C-alpha atoms as a PDB file:
ATOM      1  CA  MET A   1     -34.604 -48.750  -5.893  1.00  0.00           C
ATOM      2  CA  GLU A   2     -33.440 -51.227  -3.269  1.00  0.00           C
ATOM      3  CA  LYS A   3     -30.442 -53.446  -3.981  1.00  0.00           C
ATOM      4  CA  ILE A   4     -29.838 -56.411  -1.644  1.00  0.00           C
ATOM      5  CA  ILE A   5     -26.161 -56.613  -0.679  1.00  0.00           C
ATOM      6  CA  LYS A   6     -26.573 -59.507   1.779  1.00  0.00           C
ATOM      7  CA  ASP A   7     -29.737 -61.372   2.652  1.00  0.00           C
ATOM      8  CA  TYR A   8     -30.556 -62.760   6.103  1.00  0.00           C
ATOM      9  CA  ASP A   9     -29.119 -66.192   5.322  1.00  0.00           C
ATOM     10  CA  GLN A  10     -25.825 -64.669   4.109  1.00  0.00           C
ATOM     11  CA  THR A  11     -24.832 -63.192   7.484  1.00  0.00           C
ATOM     12  CA  LYS A  12     -23.686 -65.116  10.557  1.00  0.00           C
ATOM     13  CA  SER A  13     -25.804 -63.072  12.959  1.00  0.00           C
ATOM     14  CA  GLY A  14     -28.918 -63.007  10.771  1.00  0.00           C
ATOM     15  CA  PHE A  15     -29.376 -59.531   9.355  1.00  0.00           C
ATOM     16  CA  LYS A  16     -30.056 -58.131   5.894  1.00  0.00           C
ATOM     17  CA  VAL A  17     -28.018 -55.393   4.146  1.00  0.00           C
ATOM     18  CA  VAL A  18     -29.580 -53.282   1.394  1.00  0.00           C
ATOM     19  CA  GLN A  19     -28.553 -50.208  -0.546  1.00  0.00           C
ATOM     20  CA  GLU A  20     -31.104 -47.496  -1.257  1.00  0.00           C
ATOM     21  CA  GLY A  21     -29.444 -44.711  -3.255  1.00  0.00           C
ATOM     22  CA  ASN A  22     -26.465 -43.413  -1.250  1.00  0.00           C
ATOM     23  CA  ILE A  23     -27.522 -45.200   1.945  1.00  0.00           C
ATOM     24  CA  ILE A  24     -26.625 -48.749   2.987  1.00  0.00           C
ATOM     25  CA  LYS A  25     -28.974 -50.073   5.678  1.00  0.00           C
ATOM     26  CA  SER A  26     -28.803 -53.135   7.923  1.00  0.00           C
ATOM     27  CA  TYR A  27     -32.048 -54.704   9.177  1.00  0.00           C
ATOM     28  CA  ASN A  28     -32.534 -57.261  11.954  1.00  0.00           C
ATOM     29  CA  LYS A  29     -34.799 -60.306  11.606  1.00  0.00           C
ATOM     30  CA  MET A  30     -37.808 -58.233  12.681  1.00  0.00           C
ATOM     31  CA  GLY A  31     -37.188 -55.841   9.790  1.00  0.00           C
ATOM     32  CA  LYS A  32     -35.987 -52.994  12.018  1.00  0.00           C
ATOM     33  CA  GLU A  33     -33.067 -50.899  10.785  1.00  0.00           C
ATOM     34  CA  PHE A  34     -30.158 -50.929  13.244  1.00  0.00           C
ATOM     35  CA  HIS A  35     -27.252 -49.518  11.215  1.00  0.00           C
ATOM     36  CA  PHE A  36     -26.752 -47.224   8.249  1.00  0.00           C
ATOM     37  CA  ILE A  37     -23.892 -45.959   6.100  1.00  0.00           C
ATOM     38  CA  ASP A  38     -24.441 -42.587   4.426  1.00  0.00           C
ATOM     39  CA  MET A  39     -22.153 -42.221   1.424  1.00  0.00           C
ATOM     40  CA  ASP A  40     -22.950 -38.543   0.784  1.00  0.00           C
ATOM     41  CA  TYR A  41     -19.615 -37.432   2.286  1.00  0.00           C
ATOM     42  CA  LEU A  42     -17.345 -39.805   0.329  1.00  0.00           C
ATOM     43  CA  LYS A  43     -16.166 -36.952  -1.920  1.00  0.00           C
ATOM     44  CA  ASP A  44     -14.591 -35.447   1.227  1.00  0.00           C
ATOM     45  CA  GLY A  45     -12.955 -38.751   2.252  1.00  0.00           C
ATOM     46  CA  ILE A  46     -15.503 -39.162   5.071  1.00  0.00           C
ATOM     47  CA  LEU A  47     -17.612 -42.225   5.791  1.00  0.00           C
ATOM     48  CA  LEU A  48     -20.650 -41.396   7.920  1.00  0.00           C
ATOM     49  CA  HIS A  49     -22.434 -44.235   9.658  1.00  0.00           C
ATOM     50  CA  GLY A  50     -24.658 -44.718  12.628  1.00  0.00           C
ATOM     51  CA  TRP A  51     -26.504 -47.054  14.924  1.00  0.00           C
ATOM     52  CA  ILE A  52     -30.254 -47.035  15.525  1.00  0.00           C
ATOM     53  CA  GLY A  53     -31.867 -48.718  18.504  1.00  0.00           C
ATOM     54  CA  PHE A  54     -30.455 -51.981  19.795  1.00  0.00           C
ATOM     55  CA  ARG A  55     -28.035 -54.343  18.088  1.00  0.00           C
ATOM     56  CA  THR A  56     -26.305 -57.467  19.338  1.00  0.00           C
ATOM     57  CA  SER A  57     -22.559 -57.582  19.857  1.00  0.00           C
ATOM     58  CA  GLU A  58     -22.362 -60.116  17.038  1.00  0.00           C
ATOM     59  CA  GLN A  59     -24.236 -57.814  14.658  1.00  0.00           C
ATOM     60  CA  LEU A  60     -22.026 -54.865  15.578  1.00  0.00           C
ATOM     61  CA  MET A  61     -18.822 -56.817  14.952  1.00  0.00           C
ATOM     62  CA  GLU A  62     -20.080 -58.391  11.722  1.00  0.00           C
ATOM     63  CA  VAL A  63     -21.256 -55.047  10.290  1.00  0.00           C
ATOM     64  CA  LEU A  64     -18.047 -53.216  11.180  1.00  0.00           C
ATOM     65  CA  ASP A  65     -15.627 -55.958  10.135  1.00  0.00           C
ATOM     66  CA  GLY A  66     -17.666 -56.653   6.990  1.00  0.00           C
ATOM     67  CA  HIS A  67     -19.410 -54.259   4.639  1.00  0.00           C
ATOM     68  CA  PHE A  68     -18.538 -51.170   6.713  1.00  0.00           C
ATOM     69  CA  LEU A  69     -14.762 -51.757   6.547  1.00  0.00           C
ATOM     70  CA  ASP A  70     -15.064 -52.754   2.882  1.00  0.00           C
ATOM     71  CA  THR A  71     -16.861 -49.479   2.075  1.00  0.00           C
ATOM     72  CA  PHE A  72     -14.265 -47.444   4.001  1.00  0.00           C
ATOM     73  CA  VAL A  73     -11.334 -49.086   2.189  1.00  0.00           C
ATOM     74  CA  GLN A  74     -12.905 -49.164  -1.290  1.00  0.00           C
ATOM     75  CA  ASN A  75     -13.587 -45.433  -1.129  1.00  0.00           C
ATOM     76  CA  ASN A  76     -10.162 -44.430   0.211  1.00  0.00           C
ATOM     77  CA  CYS A  77     -11.672 -42.736   3.250  1.00  0.00           C
ATOM     78  CA  LYS A  78      -9.482 -41.127   5.896  1.00  0.00           C
ATOM     79  CA  LYS A  79     -12.183 -39.833   8.222  1.00  0.00           C
ATOM     80  CA  MET A  80     -15.252 -41.262   9.894  1.00  0.00           C
ATOM     81  CA  ILE A  81     -18.327 -39.890  11.625  1.00  0.00           C
ATOM     82  CA  ILE A  82     -20.340 -42.173  13.893  1.00  0.00           C
ATOM     83  CA  ASN A  83     -23.854 -40.898  14.483  1.00  0.00           C
ATOM     84  CA  ASN A  84     -24.990 -42.636  17.662  1.00  0.00           C
ATOM     85  CA  THR A  85     -27.891 -40.256  18.377  1.00  0.00           C
ATOM     86  CA  GLU A  86     -30.542 -42.986  18.125  1.00  0.00           C
ATOM     87  CA  MET A  87     -28.478 -45.850  19.589  1.00  0.00           C
ATOM     88  CA  THR A  88     -29.891 -47.608  22.637  1.00  0.00           C
ATOM     89  CA  GLY A  89     -28.294 -50.128  24.938  1.00  0.00           C
ATOM     90  CA  SER A  90     -24.680 -50.626  25.820  1.00  0.00           C
ATOM     91  CA  PHE A  91     -21.983 -52.012  23.558  1.00  0.00           C
ATOM     92  CA  SER A  92     -19.308 -52.170  26.277  1.00  0.00           C
ATOM     93  CA  ALA A  93     -18.983 -55.942  25.768  1.00  0.00           C
ATOM     94  CA  VAL A  94     -17.223 -55.308  22.435  1.00  0.00           C
ATOM     95  CA  ASN A  95     -15.101 -52.313  23.445  1.00  0.00           C
ATOM     96  CA  ASP A  96     -11.993 -54.462  23.962  1.00  0.00           C
ATOM     97  CA  TRP A  97     -12.477 -55.930  20.470  1.00  0.00           C
ATOM     98  CA  LEU A  98     -12.999 -52.431  19.059  1.00  0.00           C
ATOM     99  CA  GLY A  99      -9.854 -51.085  20.743  1.00  0.00           C
ATOM    100  CA  GLN A 100      -7.552 -54.050  20.185  1.00  0.00           C
ATOM    101  CA  GLU A 101      -8.694 -55.449  16.837  1.00  0.00           C
ATOM    102  CA  PHE A 102     -11.071 -53.332  14.811  1.00  0.00           C
ATOM    103  CA  MET A 103      -9.787 -49.775  15.270  1.00  0.00           C
ATOM    104  CA  PRO A 104      -6.185 -50.813  14.508  1.00  0.00           C
ATOM    105  CA  LYS A 105      -7.553 -52.215  11.201  1.00  0.00           C
ATOM    106  CA  MET A 106      -9.176 -48.841  10.562  1.00  0.00           C
ATOM    107  CA  VAL A 107      -5.912 -46.997  11.306  1.00  0.00           C
ATOM    108  CA  ASN A 108      -4.029 -49.399   9.015  1.00  0.00           C
ATOM    109  CA  SER A 109      -6.658 -48.652   6.362  1.00  0.00           C
ATOM    110  CA  GLY A 110      -5.950 -44.913   6.605  1.00  0.00           C
ATOM    111  CA  LEU A 111      -8.198 -43.565   9.392  1.00  0.00           C
ATOM    112  CA  THR A 112      -6.875 -40.240  10.715  1.00  0.00           C
ATOM    113  CA  HIS A 113      -9.963 -38.564  12.247  1.00  0.00           C
ATOM    114  CA  ASN A 114     -13.133 -39.777  13.935  1.00  0.00           C
ATOM    115  CA  ALA A 115     -16.101 -37.795  15.233  1.00  0.00           C
ATOM    116  CA  VAL A 116     -18.787 -39.345  17.412  1.00  0.00           C
ATOM    117  CA  VAL A 117     -22.259 -37.846  17.817  1.00  0.00           C
ATOM    118  CA  LEU A 118     -23.234 -38.870  21.335  1.00  0.00           C
ATOM    119  CA  PRO A 119     -26.335 -40.975  21.930  1.00  0.00           C
ATOM    120  CA  LYS A 120     -29.364 -39.732  23.835  1.00  0.00           C
ATOM    121  CA  ASN A 121     -29.440 -43.066  25.709  1.00  0.00           C
ATOM    122  CA  LEU A 122     -27.399 -43.075  28.952  1.00  0.00           C
ATOM    123  CA  PHE A 123     -26.212 -46.704  28.643  1.00  0.00           C
ATOM    124  CA  ALA A 124     -24.998 -46.122  25.096  1.00  0.00           C
ATOM    125  CA  GLU A 125     -23.273 -42.895  26.164  1.00  0.00           C
ATOM    126  CA  LEU A 126     -21.441 -44.710  28.966  1.00  0.00           C
ATOM    127  CA  ALA A 127     -20.280 -47.295  26.416  1.00  0.00           C
ATOM    128  CA  VAL A 128     -18.929 -44.468  24.217  1.00  0.00           C
ATOM    129  CA  GLU A 129     -16.988 -43.086  27.189  1.00  0.00           C
ATOM    130  CA  ASP A 130     -15.507 -46.554  27.839  1.00  0.00           C
ATOM    131  CA  TRP A 131     -14.646 -46.863  24.126  1.00  0.00           C
ATOM    132  CA  ASP A 132     -12.833 -43.501  24.225  1.00  0.00           C
ATOM    133  CA  GLU A 133     -10.388 -44.947  26.751  1.00  0.00           C
ATOM    134  CA  LYS A 134      -9.536 -47.957  24.554  1.00  0.00           C
ATOM    135  CA  ILE A 135      -8.794 -46.286  21.220  1.00  0.00           C
ATOM    136  CA  SER A 136      -5.633 -44.671  19.884  1.00  0.00           C
ATOM    137  CA  GLY A 137      -3.758 -43.886  16.690  1.00  0.00           C
ATOM    138  CA  PHE A 138      -6.120 -41.212  15.335  1.00  0.00           C
ATOM    139  CA  ALA A 139      -7.776 -37.951  16.378  1.00  0.00           C
ATOM    140  CA  SER A 140     -11.216 -38.484  17.906  1.00  0.00           C
ATOM    141  CA  LYS A 141     -13.735 -36.077  19.381  1.00  0.00           C
ATOM    142  CA  ASN A 142     -17.306 -36.360  20.696  1.00  0.00           C
ATOM    143  CA  PHE A 143     -20.127 -33.991  19.750  1.00  0.00           C
ATOM    144  CA  GLY A 144     -23.697 -33.232  20.718  1.00  0.00           C
ATOM    145  CA  SER A 145     -24.851 -32.661  17.143  1.00  0.00           C
ATOM    146  CA  LEU A 146     -24.206 -34.106  13.706  1.00  0.00           C
ATOM    147  CA  GLN A 147     -23.568 -30.643  12.241  1.00  0.00           C
ATOM    148  CA  ASP A 148     -20.789 -29.945  14.781  1.00  0.00           C
ATOM    149  CA  ALA A 149     -19.215 -33.329  14.031  1.00  0.00           C
ATOM    150  CA  VAL A 150     -19.304 -32.726  10.256  1.00  0.00           C
ATOM    151  CA  THR A 151     -17.810 -29.237  10.660  1.00  0.00           C
ATOM    152  CA  TRP A 152     -14.929 -30.560  12.802  1.00  0.00           C
ATOM    153  CA  VAL A 153     -14.129 -33.512  10.547  1.00  0.00           C
ATOM    154  CA  LYS A 154     -14.195 -31.376   7.385  1.00  0.00           C
ATOM    155  CA  SER A 155     -11.868 -28.788   8.963  1.00  0.00           C
ATOM    156  CA  ASN A 156      -9.222 -31.351   9.922  1.00  0.00           C
END
């Protein structure tokens, strides 16, 4: 059963957010999913989310600073896993914002550990490497597989 959290006209950058069971999905105007939040790990204080394909800088910032941060805070999470396996395109244009504004909000909200599953796409991987240099205040490690990321986060 799909529950609409935000419809296209309720977001500044024109995307729709729906919840299907334990998954919150964001869709662009063409109906393609570009972000998800998997709430299956909430019992462990972990919020797992990921990016699929391309997203605009505006969409990335609005998702993170909106329903993603709300979900993290409301569920008292301390750890995060970012599954970027299927991400394409760079997000380097928002890395300064991520490092200076968003990640400090996450740390202030309790973030202690972050695991990143590296993308297959070279441009997205380069953006992750740039992001690594701009973040601080929490433990962060990159992985080649989701299982390795989950194992590390759960053990810390």
